[in-house]
Amino acid sequence: MLLDKDGKPILWDGPIKTKLHDHSGGHGVIQVERTQVNRDAILAQNLQARNNSSTRKLDWGLFALQIPELDLMVIKKKYPELDGPEPGRTKAWKKFMTSSESIPYRVVNKI
């Protein structure tokens, strides 16, 4: 098991790093802290892409969002219909994509 500088365990799941903190003094309460190492780089890349006026139109559609994995987990927890069955899932994604909440994840200015 990998330990941080304070001797606390660190778990890696792809780009997501999980640290476990025991603040309970041995009473079995564990706080979980998750971070995504490349999150800031992804969001900076999205901003740069939005500032570049070219659209990312591909043969199969428009490349519109790039969401860090940890953010995607939070978004799907907040809006479970994004991970639900069709036809509601597509409608939910279109609604999310046009909301102001999607702006940090957009790679194009206008969707």
Protein backbone atom coordinates (compact mmCIF):
# COMPACT_ATOMS: atom_id res chain seq x y z
CA MET A 1 0.00 0.00 0.00
CA LEU A 2 1.25 3.46 -0.90
CA LEU A 3 1.50 5.94 1.99
CA ASP A 4 1.67 9.73 1.89
CA LYS A 5 4.27 11.79 3.79
CA ASP A 6 2.17 11.50 6.98
CA GLY A 7 1.89 7.72 6.72
CA LYS A 8 -1.75 7.77 5.60
CA PRO A 9 -2.81 5.28 2.90
CA ILE A 10 -3.27 6.46 -0.68
CA LEU A 11 -5.29 4.43 -3.16
CA TRP A 12 -5.13 5.01 -6.92
CA ASP A 13 -7.95 4.23 -9.33
CA GLY A 14 -6.84 5.52 -12.71
CA PRO A 15 -6.42 9.30 -12.43
CA ILE A 16 -8.31 9.40 -9.11
CA LYS A 17 -6.32 9.46 -5.87
CA THR A 18 -8.10 8.50 -2.64
CA LYS A 19 -6.72 9.33 0.81
CA LEU A 20 -8.22 7.89 3.97
CA HIS A 21 -8.18 10.02 7.13
CA ASP A 22 -9.06 8.70 10.58
CA HIS A 23 -10.12 11.73 12.63
CA SER A 24 -12.09 9.70 15.13
CA GLY A 25 -9.29 8.73 17.47
CA GLY A 26 -9.84 5.06 16.70
CA HIS A 27 -13.65 5.08 16.83
CA GLY A 28 -14.03 3.78 13.27
CA VAL A 29 -14.98 7.02 11.47
CA ILE A 30 -12.98 7.40 8.28
CA GLN A 31 -13.04 10.49 6.08
CA VAL A 32 -12.40 9.88 2.39
CA GLU A 33 -10.70 12.57 0.29
CA ARG A 34 -10.68 12.07 -3.49
CA THR A 35 -8.72 14.18 -5.94
CA GLN A 36 -8.01 13.91 -9.64
CA VAL A 37 -4.42 14.73 -10.42
CA ASN A 38 -5.03 16.02 -13.96
CA ARG A 39 -8.33 17.89 -13.25
CA ASP A 40 -6.86 21.40 -13.46
CA ALA A 41 -5.06 20.53 -16.70
CA ILE A 42 -8.29 19.24 -18.27
CA LEU A 43 -10.23 22.37 -17.28
CA ALA A 44 -7.42 24.63 -18.57
CA GLN A 45 -7.39 22.71 -21.85
CA ASN A 46 -11.18 23.16 -22.10
CA LEU A 47 -10.84 26.92 -21.59
CA GLN A 48 -8.16 27.12 -24.26
CA ALA A 49 -10.34 25.12 -26.66
CA ARG A 50 -13.34 27.41 -25.98
CA ASN A 51 -11.20 30.46 -26.67
CA ASN A 52 -10.13 28.91 -29.97
CA SER A 53 -13.08 29.64 -32.25
CA SER A 54 -12.79 26.42 -34.26
CA THR A 55 -15.59 23.90 -33.73
CA ARG A 56 -14.79 20.25 -33.22
CA LYS A 57 -17.25 18.77 -35.71
CA LEU A 58 -16.47 15.11 -36.27
CA ASP A 59 -18.01 12.54 -38.60
CA TRP A 60 -20.09 11.11 -35.77
CA GLY A 61 -21.06 14.39 -34.11
CA LEU A 62 -19.80 17.38 -32.18
CA PHE A 63 -17.11 17.03 -29.50
CA ALA A 64 -18.70 19.31 -26.91
CA LEU A 65 -17.63 18.34 -23.37
CA GLN A 66 -14.55 17.02 -21.63
CA ILE A 67 -15.36 16.19 -18.02
CA PRO A 68 -12.78 14.98 -15.48
CA GLU A 69 -13.78 11.57 -14.11
CA LEU A 70 -14.24 12.73 -10.52
CA ASP A 71 -16.44 15.64 -11.66
CA LEU A 72 -18.47 13.23 -13.78
CA MET A 73 -19.12 11.04 -10.74
CA VAL A 74 -20.39 14.08 -8.81
CA ILE A 75 -22.51 15.32 -11.73
CA LYS A 76 -24.13 11.90 -12.22
CA LYS A 77 -24.88 11.71 -8.49
CA LYS A 78 -26.52 15.15 -8.65
CA TYR A 79 -28.39 14.34 -11.89
CA PRO A 80 -28.99 10.55 -11.91
CA GLU A 81 -31.01 10.77 -15.13
CA LEU A 82 -27.69 11.40 -16.97
CA ASP A 83 -26.83 7.77 -16.29
CA GLY A 84 -30.39 6.47 -16.67
CA PRO A 85 -32.05 4.57 -19.50
CA GLU A 86 -32.94 6.01 -22.89
CA PRO A 87 -34.77 8.04 -24.08
CA GLY A 88 -34.44 10.19 -20.95
CA ARG A 89 -30.63 10.03 -20.81
CA THR A 90 -30.09 11.88 -24.11
CA LYS A 91 -32.59 14.56 -23.14
CA ALA A 92 -30.90 14.97 -19.73
CA TRP A 93 -27.44 15.31 -21.33
CA LYS A 94 -28.73 17.95 -23.77
CA LYS A 95 -30.24 19.87 -20.86
CA PHE A 96 -26.99 19.64 -18.87
CA MET A 97 -24.87 20.64 -21.87
CA THR A 98 -26.87 23.84 -22.39
CA SER A 99 -26.86 24.74 -18.68
CA SER A 100 -24.36 27.18 -17.18
CA GLU A 101 -23.09 24.32 -14.98
CA SER A 102 -21.48 22.72 -18.05
CA ILE A 103 -19.36 25.76 -18.98
CA PRO A 104 -16.08 24.58 -17.35
CA TYR A 105 -16.39 21.29 -19.26
CA ARG A 106 -17.22 22.73 -22.68
CA VAL A 107 -14.66 22.63 -25.45
CA VAL A 108 -16.85 24.83 -27.67
CA ASN A 109 -18.45 28.15 -26.79
CA LYS A 110 -21.92 27.46 -28.08
CA ILE A 111 -23.77 24.18 -27.89
